[in-house]
Amino acid sequence: MRRSQEAVVLSAQAQVQGFYLHFGFRAIGGEYLEAKIRHIDLKYSFE
C-alpha cells in the first residue's frame, strides 16, 4: 500500500492549541502576533 506524503499546515490562535494537539497536530515554530492575537503554526502529517 502506498502512503501519502502530504500534510496539513495551519495557523491557529495559541489559546486553542490544545484542541488541535488532541487531534494529532504538532507545533512547528514559536508563537507570533497577528492582529495583536497570539498565533502558532501547526502541522498534521498523514504518515
N, C-alpha and C. Protein backbone atom coordinates (compact mmCIF):
# COMPACT_ATOMS: atom_id res chain seq x y z
N MET A 1 0.85 -1.18 0.00
CA MET A 1 0.00 0.00 0.00
C MET A 1 0.89 1.24 0.00
N ARG A 2 0.54 2.20 -0.78
CA ARG A 2 1.31 3.45 -0.88
C ARG A 2 0.74 4.49 0.09
N ARG A 3 1.61 5.10 0.86
CA ARG A 3 1.20 6.12 1.83
C ARG A 3 1.42 7.51 1.26
N SER A 4 0.54 8.42 1.61
CA SER A 4 0.64 9.80 1.18
C SER A 4 1.72 10.53 1.97
N GLN A 5 2.43 11.42 1.34
CA GLN A 5 3.45 12.23 2.00
C GLN A 5 2.90 13.62 2.30
N GLU A 6 1.62 13.82 2.13
CA GLU A 6 1.02 15.12 2.32
C GLU A 6 0.82 15.45 3.79
N ALA A 7 0.66 16.74 4.07
CA ALA A 7 0.43 17.20 5.44
C ALA A 7 -0.50 18.40 5.39
N VAL A 8 -1.14 18.66 6.51
CA VAL A 8 -1.98 19.84 6.68
C VAL A 8 -1.23 20.80 7.59
N VAL A 9 -1.05 22.04 7.14
CA VAL A 9 -0.39 23.07 7.94
C VAL A 9 -1.38 24.21 8.11
N LEU A 10 -1.55 24.66 9.36
CA LEU A 10 -2.48 25.76 9.60
C LEU A 10 -1.94 26.68 10.67
N SER A 11 -2.50 27.86 10.72
CA SER A 11 -2.19 28.84 11.75
C SER A 11 -3.42 28.94 12.64
N ALA A 12 -3.20 28.79 13.94
CA ALA A 12 -4.32 28.83 14.88
C ALA A 12 -3.99 29.79 16.02
N GLN A 13 -5.01 30.32 16.65
CA GLN A 13 -4.79 31.12 17.84
C GLN A 13 -4.17 30.22 18.90
N ALA A 14 -3.14 30.73 19.55
CA ALA A 14 -2.38 29.93 20.51
C ALA A 14 -3.27 29.38 21.63
N GLN A 15 -4.32 30.09 21.97
CA GLN A 15 -5.19 29.65 23.07
C GLN A 15 -5.95 28.37 22.76
N VAL A 16 -6.07 27.98 21.51
CA VAL A 16 -6.77 26.74 21.15
C VAL A 16 -5.80 25.65 20.69
N GLN A 17 -4.53 25.83 20.93
CA GLN A 17 -3.53 24.87 20.52
C GLN A 17 -3.82 23.48 21.08
N GLY A 18 -4.24 23.39 22.33
CA GLY A 18 -4.55 22.10 22.95
C GLY A 18 -5.61 21.33 22.20
N PHE A 19 -6.59 22.01 21.64
CA PHE A 19 -7.65 21.37 20.86
C PHE A 19 -7.04 20.64 19.66
N TYR A 20 -6.15 21.32 18.94
CA TYR A 20 -5.54 20.72 17.76
C TYR A 20 -4.54 19.63 18.12
N LEU A 21 -3.82 19.78 19.24
CA LEU A 21 -2.88 18.75 19.68
C LEU A 21 -3.62 17.44 19.96
N HIS A 22 -4.84 17.55 20.47
CA HIS A 22 -5.66 16.38 20.76
C HIS A 22 -5.91 15.55 19.49
N PHE A 23 -5.96 16.19 18.35
CA PHE A 23 -6.23 15.51 17.08
C PHE A 23 -4.96 15.16 16.30
N GLY A 24 -3.79 15.32 16.94
CA GLY A 24 -2.55 14.88 16.31
C GLY A 24 -1.72 15.96 15.65
N PHE A 25 -2.14 17.22 15.71
CA PHE A 25 -1.33 18.30 15.17
C PHE A 25 -0.14 18.54 16.09
N ARG A 26 0.97 19.03 15.55
CA ARG A 26 2.16 19.37 16.31
C ARG A 26 2.59 20.80 15.95
N ALA A 27 3.08 21.51 16.94
CA ALA A 27 3.54 22.88 16.73
C ALA A 27 4.80 22.87 15.88
N ILE A 28 4.87 23.79 14.93
CA ILE A 28 6.08 23.97 14.13
C ILE A 28 6.47 25.44 14.26
N GLY A 29 7.44 25.70 15.07
CA GLY A 29 7.85 27.09 15.31
C GLY A 29 7.22 27.63 16.58
N GLY A 30 7.52 28.87 16.85
CA GLY A 30 7.04 29.50 18.07
C GLY A 30 5.82 30.37 17.83
N GLU A 31 5.35 30.95 18.91
CA GLU A 31 4.19 31.83 18.82
C GLU A 31 4.58 33.17 18.20
N TYR A 32 3.61 33.80 17.56
CA TYR A 32 3.80 35.12 16.97
C TYR A 32 2.49 35.89 17.05
N LEU A 33 2.58 37.19 16.92
CA LEU A 33 1.38 38.02 16.99
C LEU A 33 0.83 38.29 15.59
N GLU A 34 -0.45 38.15 15.46
CA GLU A 34 -1.16 38.51 14.23
C GLU A 34 -2.41 39.25 14.68
N ALA A 35 -2.52 40.50 14.29
CA ALA A 35 -3.64 41.35 14.71
C ALA A 35 -3.72 41.42 16.24
N LYS A 36 -2.57 41.47 16.88
CA LYS A 36 -2.45 41.56 18.35
C LYS A 36 -2.98 40.33 19.08
N ILE A 37 -3.06 39.19 18.38
CA ILE A 37 -3.51 37.93 18.96
C ILE A 37 -2.40 36.91 18.75
N ARG A 38 -2.07 36.16 19.83
CA ARG A 38 -1.02 35.14 19.73
C ARG A 38 -1.48 34.00 18.82
N HIS A 39 -0.63 33.63 17.85
CA HIS A 39 -0.89 32.53 16.94
C HIS A 39 0.28 31.56 16.95
N ILE A 40 0.04 30.36 16.46
CA ILE A 40 1.09 29.36 16.30
C ILE A 40 0.77 28.52 15.07
N ASP A 41 1.82 28.12 14.35
CA ASP A 41 1.64 27.27 13.19
C ASP A 41 1.64 25.82 13.65
N LEU A 42 0.72 25.03 13.09
CA LEU A 42 0.55 23.63 13.45
C LEU A 42 0.58 22.77 12.21
N LYS A 43 1.02 21.54 12.37
CA LYS A 43 1.12 20.62 11.22
C LYS A 43 0.59 19.24 11.61
N TYR A 44 -0.16 18.64 10.69
CA TYR A 44 -0.61 17.27 10.84
C TYR A 44 -0.07 16.48 9.65
N SER A 45 0.69 15.42 9.93
CA SER A 45 1.22 14.58 8.87
C SER A 45 0.42 13.28 8.79
N PHE A 46 0.20 12.81 7.60
CA PHE A 46 -0.57 11.58 7.38
C PHE A 46 0.31 10.35 7.35
N GLU A 47 1.44 10.39 8.00
CA GLU A 47 2.39 9.25 7.98
C GLU A 47 2.10 8.26 9.06
